[in-house]
Structure formats: structure tokens, C-alpha cells
Amino acid sequence: MGRRTTAAITVRLVSQTPAVVSVVDKLGHDFDDTELAGSRLGRTHPFSAHPFDP
């Protein structure tokens, strides 16, 4: 995966899929963006070019 947060989201979504009993997380990432994900500066919604306003 490109980003660490994307890998974490993927694992979380797969683990919540009906009939999935367990998930073994062996996903790697090229870029650790966990510090950036915690920042609100310049944050946008992942499916929109508009600023994210929670």
C-alpha cells in the first residue's frame, strides 16, 4: 500500500466484512502518514476536493 493509514483502513474494513473470522495483517506501506493524519491543517475529505469540516 502507498500509505500506512490506507493499510490500516483496509484491515479494519476487511475485518468488519460479514463471514470474516480473522484477519492477518501483513500489509506493508511506502509512506508513514500517521502524523499527518492527526493534523487538521489542510485536511480534505478523501472523496472530495473540498476542505473537510467535521
Protein backbone atom coordinates (compact mmCIF):
# COMPACT_ATOMS: atom_id res chain seq x y z
CA MET A 1 0.00 0.00 0.00
CA GLY A 2 1.13 3.54 -0.53
CA ARG A 3 0.22 4.99 2.87
CA ARG A 4 0.14 3.46 6.34
CA THR A 5 -3.32 4.87 7.07
CA THR A 6 -4.69 3.25 3.91
CA ALA A 7 -3.32 -0.11 5.05
CA ALA A 8 -4.92 0.33 8.48
CA ILE A 9 -8.29 1.28 6.96
CA THR A 10 -8.14 -1.75 4.65
CA VAL A 11 -7.53 -4.11 7.57
CA ARG A 12 -10.37 -2.53 9.57
CA LEU A 13 -12.84 -2.78 6.67
CA VAL A 14 -11.94 -6.37 5.84
CA SER A 15 -12.26 -7.41 9.49
CA GLN A 16 -15.80 -5.96 9.56
CA THR A 17 -16.91 -7.88 6.48
CA PRO A 18 -19.64 -10.44 7.25
CA ALA A 19 -18.38 -14.04 7.49
CA VAL A 20 -14.75 -12.96 8.01
CA VAL A 21 -13.47 -14.84 11.05
CA SER A 22 -9.99 -13.33 11.37
CA VAL A 23 -7.56 -11.08 9.52
CA VAL A 24 -3.79 -11.46 9.46
CA ASP A 25 -2.34 -8.02 8.77
CA LYS A 26 0.77 -8.41 6.61
CA LEU A 27 0.24 -5.24 4.59
CA GLY A 28 3.22 -3.01 4.12
CA HIS A 29 3.34 0.68 3.26
CA ASP A 30 5.68 3.03 1.41
CA PHE A 31 4.94 6.15 3.45
CA ASP A 32 4.07 6.51 7.14
CA ASP A 33 1.47 9.27 7.18
CA THR A 34 0.12 8.67 10.69
CA GLU A 35 1.37 12.03 11.98
CA LEU A 36 -0.17 13.83 9.02
CA ALA A 37 -3.49 12.04 9.54
CA GLY A 38 -3.75 13.53 13.04
CA SER A 39 -3.31 17.06 11.71
CA ARG A 40 -6.35 19.15 10.77
CA LEU A 41 -4.28 21.61 8.71
CA GLY A 42 -5.21 21.42 5.05
CA ARG A 43 -7.29 18.30 5.60
CA THR A 44 -9.77 17.27 2.92
CA HIS A 45 -12.37 14.55 2.73
CA PRO A 46 -10.85 11.55 0.86
CA PHE A 47 -13.57 11.60 -1.81
CA SER A 48 -13.75 15.35 -2.31
CA ALA A 49 -11.50 18.26 -3.18
CA HIS A 50 -13.39 20.43 -0.70
CA PRO A 51 -11.97 21.09 2.79
CA PHE A 52 -13.04 18.57 5.42
CA ASP A 53 -15.14 20.16 8.15
CA PRO A 54 -16.05 17.59 10.83
